[in-house]
Amino acid sequence: MVNWREEEFDNEQTMDARQKGEELGLSNERMIEMYRTMLKIRLFEEMADKLYALGKVHGTMHLSAGQEAVAVGTGFAVSRSDYMLNHHRGHGHFITSGADLGKMMAEFLGKDTGYCHGRGGSMHIADVTANNLGANGIVGGSLQLAAGVGIAIKQRKTDQLVLTLFGDGAANEGIFHESLNMARIWDLPILYVCENNQYGMSANVNRVSAKTPFRDRAAAYDIPYFLVDGNDVLAMYEHAKKAVESIRTGNGPYFIEATTYRYFGHSKSDRNLYRTKDEIEYWKTVKDPIDRMEGLLLKADILTVDAVKKIHEETVQEIDAAVIFAEESPEPDVKDVMEWVYA
């Protein structure tokens, strides 16, 4: 099982993490924080999956385990003052942006202390006060919203940008082309990040897309682009940083296609009948983004085995505390059912 475009990427295992960090302006501490954040995303989602199995999570879930490097590499390159428009598999991006895990878990459990007072659940978490404008259950739903936010930023004349996230399936929606076209015509400050995890629901990307990679579609609209190994967090950061710098200097939109892979099914109703166990195992054992980053940090003596163990223990404790907060939080009151639904 080989990534359909793996030959385009360098083997990151030959990379010296210290040297690469210096090139990217990343301190050892910052790279450790990248690793810690990826682990936090993975353990949070694994816990959410367990709670779903216990009947404590309402609605469905779309988990991003295996795609953590895209969220962390991109999220560490943008600013907290930038805007984000997420997709339905965007828990990792929300966590990377600094989300409170307790409030996030409470939202999963439909509790009043959640980010959306239990109204949004897994698919629609938002924190407008932190410029996280929300996840979207509509495929490609963030793309047209990004154009509007980009126009607002230009009118305000700030140096902000809007990060819009979508999957390979959304790249075949008509709104994808409309948004890219408008962004280029008006030089809107939009960073498009396509998380190509090889499958749109149960359809392999090569069976439903006449032309790949999707970065070529950005070229058709005269938008600069990168095709990145989305399981290499340092590569994601490097290219996202370059894109952000270009956008902030007024050059208009940028497009990043990140090749990655999801371990879980499309949603909780997906039995994974369209792909083999060997394929999933290949990505888990050979391409896993957390294992790869951990290996680089250990090899460069930036982390020790004991430090890795401590980070794991601390992260588990953080996730457990979020669960306790969520389970002890009150249910929404029926008398407030119409509150916080529409502004």
Protein backbone atom coordinates (compact mmCIF):
# COMPACT_ATOMS: atom_id res chain seq x y z
CA MET A 1 0.00 0.00 0.00
CA VAL A 2 1.68 3.21 -1.18
CA ASN A 3 0.39 6.76 -1.09
CA TRP A 4 -0.76 7.51 -4.61
CA ARG A 5 1.60 10.50 -4.74
CA GLU A 6 4.12 9.50 -2.11
CA GLU A 7 6.99 9.73 -4.58
CA GLU A 8 6.60 13.52 -4.63
CA PHE A 9 7.57 13.85 -0.98
CA ASP A 10 10.96 13.62 0.68
CA ASN A 11 11.47 10.99 3.36
CA GLU A 12 11.17 13.09 6.50
CA GLN A 13 12.85 10.39 8.60
CA THR A 14 16.20 11.58 7.21
CA MET A 15 15.49 15.07 8.57
CA ASP A 16 17.42 16.48 11.50
CA ALA A 17 14.73 18.03 13.69
CA ARG A 18 17.08 20.55 15.31
CA GLN A 19 18.35 21.81 11.98
CA LYS A 20 14.85 21.90 10.49
CA GLY A 21 13.55 23.76 13.53
CA GLU A 22 16.25 26.39 13.16
CA GLU A 23 15.43 26.80 9.47
CA LEU A 24 11.77 27.34 10.30
CA GLY A 25 12.35 29.54 13.33
CA LEU A 26 10.91 26.90 15.64
CA SER A 27 12.42 26.43 19.07
CA ASN A 28 12.73 22.96 20.58
CA GLU A 29 9.94 23.90 22.97
CA ARG A 30 7.68 24.91 20.10
CA MET A 31 8.26 21.60 18.31
CA ILE A 32 7.51 19.72 21.52
CA GLU A 33 4.28 21.71 21.78
CA MET A 34 3.41 20.63 18.24
CA TYR A 35 3.89 17.02 19.26
CA ARG A 36 1.89 17.52 22.44
CA THR A 37 -0.99 19.12 20.52
CA MET A 38 -1.16 16.29 18.00
CA LEU A 39 -1.28 13.80 20.85
CA LYS A 40 -3.99 15.85 22.57
CA ILE A 41 -6.14 15.73 19.42
CA ARG A 42 -5.67 11.97 19.05
CA LEU A 43 -6.49 11.17 22.68
CA PHE A 44 -9.44 13.57 22.75
CA GLU A 45 -11.01 11.89 19.74
CA GLU A 46 -10.33 8.40 21.04
CA MET A 47 -12.08 9.38 24.27
CA ALA A 48 -14.98 10.89 22.32
CA ASP A 49 -15.27 7.62 20.42
CA LYS A 50 -15.48 5.69 23.71
CA LEU A 51 -18.13 8.06 25.06
CA TYR A 52 -20.13 7.64 21.86
CA ALA A 53 -20.04 3.86 22.32
CA LEU A 54 -21.44 4.40 25.82
CA GLY A 55 -24.33 6.42 24.40
CA LYS A 56 -23.16 9.68 25.96
CA VAL A 57 -22.45 11.60 22.74
CA HIS A 58 -25.51 12.87 20.89
CA GLY A 59 -25.66 12.78 17.10
CA THR A 60 -22.89 11.42 14.93
CA MET A 61 -19.16 12.17 14.80
CA HIS A 62 -16.58 12.55 12.06
CA LEU A 63 -13.20 11.77 13.59
CA SER A 64 -9.88 13.01 12.22
CA ALA A 65 -7.48 10.52 13.82
CA GLY A 66 -4.53 10.22 11.43
CA GLN A 67 -4.85 13.80 10.17
CA GLU A 68 -3.43 15.64 13.19
CA ALA A 69 -0.37 17.04 11.40
CA VAL A 70 -2.54 19.09 9.04
CA ALA A 71 -4.34 20.78 11.92
CA VAL A 72 -1.21 21.45 13.96
CA GLY A 73 1.10 22.46 11.12
CA THR A 74 -1.46 24.90 9.76
CA GLY A 75 -2.71 26.11 13.12
CA PHE A 76 0.78 26.96 14.36
CA ALA A 77 1.41 29.06 11.24
CA VAL A 78 -1.65 31.31 11.48
CA SER A 79 -2.39 33.85 14.22
CA ARG A 80 -5.05 33.66 16.92
CA SER A 81 -6.43 36.91 15.46
CA ASP A 82 -7.09 35.22 12.11
CA TYR A 83 -10.48 33.77 11.28
CA MET A 84 -11.20 30.07 10.81
CA LEU A 85 -14.02 28.32 8.98
CA ASN A 86 -13.98 24.65 9.80
CA HIS A 87 -15.47 21.48 8.32
CA HIS A 88 -17.27 18.56 9.94
CA ARG A 89 -13.99 16.68 10.60
CA GLY A 90 -12.35 19.66 12.24
CA HIS A 91 -11.91 18.82 15.93
CA GLY A 92 -8.13 18.95 15.53
CA HIS A 93 -8.17 22.45 14.08
CA PHE A 94 -10.38 23.67 16.90
CA ILE A 95 -8.10 22.15 19.55
CA THR A 96 -5.00 23.59 17.87
CA SER A 97 -6.56 27.06 17.96
CA GLY A 98 -6.59 26.87 21.75
CA ALA A 99 -10.03 25.47 22.50
CA ASP A 100 -10.96 24.63 26.09
CA LEU A 101 -11.18 20.83 26.16
CA GLY A 102 -13.77 20.86 28.94
CA LYS A 103 -16.14 23.13 27.03
CA MET A 104 -15.47 21.15 23.89
CA MET A 105 -16.25 17.80 25.53
CA ALA A 106 -19.35 19.34 27.13
CA GLU A 107 -20.55 20.32 23.66
CA PHE A 108 -20.05 16.72 22.48
CA LEU A 109 -22.22 15.56 25.37
CA GLY A 110 -24.87 18.19 24.64
CA LYS A 111 -24.31 20.05 27.92
CA ASP A 112 -25.15 23.67 28.66
CA THR A 113 -21.50 24.49 29.42
CA GLY A 114 -20.44 23.55 25.89
CA TYR A 115 -19.25 26.12 23.37
CA CYS A 116 -22.71 26.22 21.76
CA HIS A 117 -24.65 25.38 24.92
CA GLY A 118 -25.11 21.84 23.64
CA ARG A 119 -26.84 22.97 20.43
CA GLY A 120 -24.02 22.23 18.01
CA GLY A 121 -22.48 18.95 19.05
CA SER A 122 -19.50 17.46 17.29
CA MET A 123 -20.22 18.86 13.84
CA HIS A 124 -20.97 22.51 14.60
CA ILE A 125 -18.63 23.72 17.34
CA ALA A 126 -17.90 27.45 17.13
CA ASP A 127 -16.31 30.16 19.25
CA VAL A 128 -17.01 33.46 17.55
CA THR A 129 -15.27 35.40 20.34
CA ALA A 130 -12.03 33.68 19.33
CA ASN A 131 -12.66 34.17 15.57
CA ASN A 132 -13.50 30.48 15.15
CA LEU A 133 -16.58 30.99 13.02
CA GLY A 134 -17.78 27.43 13.24
CA ALA A 135 -17.70 24.01 11.69
CA ASN A 136 -20.04 23.16 8.85
CA GLY A 137 -21.92 19.94 8.14
CA ILE A 138 -22.48 20.94 4.51
CA VAL A 139 -19.77 19.60 2.21
CA GLY A 140 -17.81 22.64 1.05
CA GLY A 141 -20.00 24.87 3.19
CA SER A 142 -17.07 26.93 4.45
CA LEU A 143 -15.88 27.89 0.98
CA GLN A 144 -18.46 30.54 0.13
CA LEU A 145 -18.40 31.87 3.70
CA ALA A 146 -14.64 32.37 3.39
CA ALA A 147 -15.16 34.70 0.45
CA GLY A 148 -17.49 36.84 2.55
CA VAL A 149 -15.08 36.95 5.47
CA GLY A 150 -12.26 37.79 3.08
CA ILE A 151 -14.22 40.73 1.71
CA ALA A 152 -14.91 41.96 5.26
CA ILE A 153 -11.20 41.78 6.12
CA LYS A 154 -10.30 43.83 3.03
CA GLN A 155 -12.93 46.44 3.88
CA ARG A 156 -11.57 46.73 7.41
CA LYS A 157 -8.00 46.96 6.06
CA THR A 158 -6.48 44.67 8.68
CA ASP A 159 -3.66 42.18 8.13
CA GLN A 160 -5.87 39.25 9.11
CA LEU A 161 -6.68 36.26 6.92
CA VAL A 162 -9.34 33.57 6.92
CA LEU A 163 -8.34 29.92 7.03
CA THR A 164 -10.92 27.72 5.32
CA LEU A 165 -10.74 23.95 5.64
CA PHE A 166 -12.38 21.34 3.45
CA GLY A 167 -11.90 17.80 2.22
CA ASP A 168 -11.22 16.26 -1.16
CA GLY A 169 -14.93 15.63 -1.63
CA ALA A 170 -15.66 19.35 -1.33
CA ALA A 171 -13.18 20.08 -4.11
CA ASN A 172 -15.72 18.57 -6.53
CA GLU A 173 -18.48 20.95 -5.45
CA GLY A 174 -19.39 23.88 -7.65
CA ILE A 175 -18.91 26.36 -4.80
CA PHE A 176 -15.22 25.39 -4.70
CA HIS A 177 -14.70 26.95 -8.13
CA GLU A 178 -16.88 29.96 -7.41
CA SER A 179 -15.00 30.75 -4.22
CA LEU A 180 -11.53 30.39 -5.77
CA ASN A 181 -12.55 32.51 -8.74
CA MET A 182 -13.87 35.34 -6.56
CA ALA A 183 -10.87 35.14 -4.24
CA ARG A 184 -8.47 35.62 -7.13
CA ILE A 185 -10.45 38.37 -8.84
CA TRP A 186 -10.55 40.44 -5.65
CA ASP A 187 -7.28 39.20 -4.11
CA LEU A 188 -9.01 38.09 -0.94
CA PRO A 189 -6.87 37.08 2.08
CA ILE A 190 -7.93 33.43 2.13
CA LEU A 191 -5.81 30.39 2.94
CA TYR A 192 -7.51 27.38 1.36
CA VAL A 193 -6.47 24.06 2.92
CA CYS A 194 -7.74 20.91 1.23
CA GLU A 195 -7.34 17.88 3.50
CA ASN A 196 -7.15 15.10 0.95
CA ASN A 197 -7.62 11.98 3.08
CA GLN A 198 -8.15 9.84 -0.04
CA TYR A 199 -11.87 9.24 0.51
CA GLY A 200 -15.00 11.33 0.15
CA MET A 201 -17.31 9.26 2.33
CA SER A 202 -16.83 5.80 0.77
CA ALA A 203 -15.51 6.88 -2.64
CA ASN A 204 -11.80 6.81 -3.40
CA VAL A 205 -10.68 10.19 -4.66
CA ASN A 206 -9.29 8.77 -7.91
CA ARG A 207 -12.63 7.19 -8.84
CA VAL A 208 -14.64 10.40 -8.54
CA SER A 209 -12.16 13.11 -9.55
CA ALA A 210 -11.32 13.50 -13.24
CA LYS A 211 -8.15 15.48 -12.49
CA THR A 212 -5.87 15.29 -9.51
CA PRO A 213 -3.98 16.63 -7.66
CA PHE A 214 -6.39 19.37 -6.70
CA ARG A 215 -3.58 21.91 -6.55
CA ASP A 216 -3.83 22.02 -10.36
CA ARG A 217 -7.29 23.52 -9.98
CA ALA A 218 -5.81 26.35 -7.95
CA ALA A 219 -3.33 26.94 -10.76
CA ALA A 220 -6.26 27.25 -13.16
CA TYR A 221 -7.40 30.29 -11.15
CA ASP A 222 -3.88 31.73 -10.97
CA ILE A 223 -3.71 31.01 -7.24
CA PRO A 224 -0.30 29.95 -5.88
CA TYR A 225 -0.30 26.53 -4.28
CA PHE A 226 1.59 23.83 -2.41
CA LEU A 227 1.12 20.07 -2.46
CA VAL A 228 2.29 18.87 0.96
CA ASP A 229 2.74 15.59 2.79
CA GLY A 230 -0.06 16.18 5.26
CA ASN A 231 1.34 13.63 7.72
CA ASP A 232 4.57 15.60 8.16
CA VAL A 233 3.81 18.35 10.68
CA LEU A 234 7.01 20.30 10.00
CA ALA A 235 6.36 20.29 6.25
CA MET A 236 2.80 21.46 6.89
CA TYR A 237 4.08 24.28 9.09
CA GLU A 238 6.78 25.28 6.61
CA HIS A 239 4.40 25.61 3.67
CA ALA A 240 1.56 27.14 5.68
CA LYS A 241 3.98 29.74 7.02
CA LYS A 242 5.05 30.69 3.49
CA ALA A 243 1.42 30.91 2.40
CA VAL A 244 0.50 33.09 5.38
CA GLU A 245 3.41 35.45 4.71
CA SER A 246 2.33 35.80 1.09
CA ILE A 247 -1.29 36.53 2.02
CA ARG A 248 -0.32 39.11 4.64
CA THR A 249 1.73 41.05 2.11
CA GLY A 250 -1.39 41.56 0.01
CA ASN A 251 -0.81 38.91 -2.65
CA GLY A 252 -4.28 37.42 -2.32
CA PRO A 253 -5.31 33.80 -1.75
CA TYR A 254 -3.11 30.72 -1.36
CA PHE A 255 -4.01 27.05 -1.76
CA ILE A 256 -2.54 24.08 0.11
CA GLU A 257 -3.42 20.47 -0.67
CA ALA A 258 -2.36 18.15 2.14
CA THR A 259 -2.37 14.41 1.48
CA THR A 260 -3.33 12.51 4.60
CA TYR A 261 -5.54 9.65 5.80
CA ARG A 262 -8.31 9.04 8.33
CA TYR A 263 -8.23 5.89 10.46
CA PHE A 264 -11.88 5.80 11.47
CA GLY A 265 -14.76 5.50 9.04
CA HIS A 266 -16.39 8.53 7.47
CA SER A 267 -18.82 8.74 10.40
CA LYS A 268 -20.06 6.44 13.13
CA SER A 269 -22.38 4.62 10.69
CA ASP A 270 -19.47 3.73 8.38
CA ARG A 271 -18.39 0.06 8.52
CA ASN A 272 -15.31 0.63 6.35
CA LEU A 273 -16.29 -1.95 3.71
CA TYR A 274 -14.70 0.03 0.86
CA ARG A 275 -11.06 -0.26 1.98
CA THR A 276 -8.87 -3.03 3.28
CA LYS A 277 -7.49 -3.52 6.78
CA ASP A 278 -4.01 -3.72 5.23
CA GLU A 279 -4.41 -0.25 3.75
CA ILE A 280 -5.47 1.25 7.08
CA GLU A 281 -2.68 -0.58 8.90
CA TYR A 282 -0.10 0.73 6.44
CA TRP A 283 -1.00 4.32 7.22
CA LYS A 284 -1.10 3.62 10.96
CA THR A 285 2.29 1.93 11.11
CA VAL A 286 4.29 3.67 8.38
CA LYS A 287 2.77 7.12 7.96
CA ASP A 288 1.31 7.99 11.37
CA PRO A 289 2.01 11.73 11.95
CA ILE A 290 2.42 11.48 15.73
CA ASP A 291 4.83 8.54 15.59
CA ARG A 292 6.85 10.29 12.89
CA MET A 293 7.22 13.50 14.88
CA GLU A 294 8.00 11.57 18.05
CA GLY A 295 10.72 9.65 16.21
CA LEU A 296 12.29 12.87 14.91
CA LEU A 297 12.32 14.49 18.35
CA LEU A 298 13.78 11.41 20.01
CA LYS A 299 16.44 11.03 17.33
CA ALA A 300 17.49 14.67 17.77
CA ASP A 301 17.54 14.34 21.58
CA ILE A 302 14.91 17.06 21.82
CA LEU A 303 12.75 14.56 23.69
CA THR A 304 13.70 11.61 25.85
CA VAL A 305 11.69 8.43 26.34
CA ASP A 306 10.84 9.57 29.86
CA ALA A 307 9.69 12.96 28.55
CA VAL A 308 7.44 11.25 26.01
CA LYS A 309 5.92 9.16 28.78
CA LYS A 310 5.32 12.26 30.90
CA ILE A 311 3.63 14.10 28.03
CA HIS A 312 1.35 11.12 27.50
CA GLU A 313 0.45 10.99 31.19
CA GLU A 314 -0.23 14.73 31.37
CA THR A 315 -2.37 14.63 28.23
CA VAL A 316 -4.42 11.71 29.53
CA GLN A 317 -5.03 13.64 32.75
CA GLU A 318 -6.14 16.67 30.74
CA ILE A 319 -8.59 14.59 28.71
CA ASP A 320 -9.93 12.88 31.85
CA ALA A 321 -10.49 16.28 33.48
CA ALA A 322 -12.43 17.42 30.41
CA VAL A 323 -14.67 14.35 30.66
CA ILE A 324 -15.33 14.95 34.35
CA PHE A 325 -16.23 18.59 33.64
CA ALA A 326 -18.57 17.58 30.83
CA GLU A 327 -20.31 14.80 32.73
CA GLU A 328 -20.83 16.98 35.79
CA SER A 329 -22.18 19.89 33.72
CA PRO A 330 -25.93 20.58 33.61
CA GLU A 331 -28.19 19.68 30.71
CA PRO A 332 -29.70 22.63 28.79
CA ASP A 333 -32.94 23.92 30.30
CA VAL A 334 -35.97 23.42 28.07
CA LYS A 335 -37.13 26.97 28.77
CA ASP A 336 -34.00 28.26 26.98
CA VAL A 337 -34.45 26.05 23.92
CA MET A 338 -34.65 29.03 21.53
CA GLU A 339 -31.65 30.83 22.98
CA TRP A 340 -28.26 30.82 21.19
CA VAL A 341 -29.76 29.19 18.08
CA TYR A 342 -29.81 32.16 15.74
CA ALA A 343 -28.40 35.67 16.07
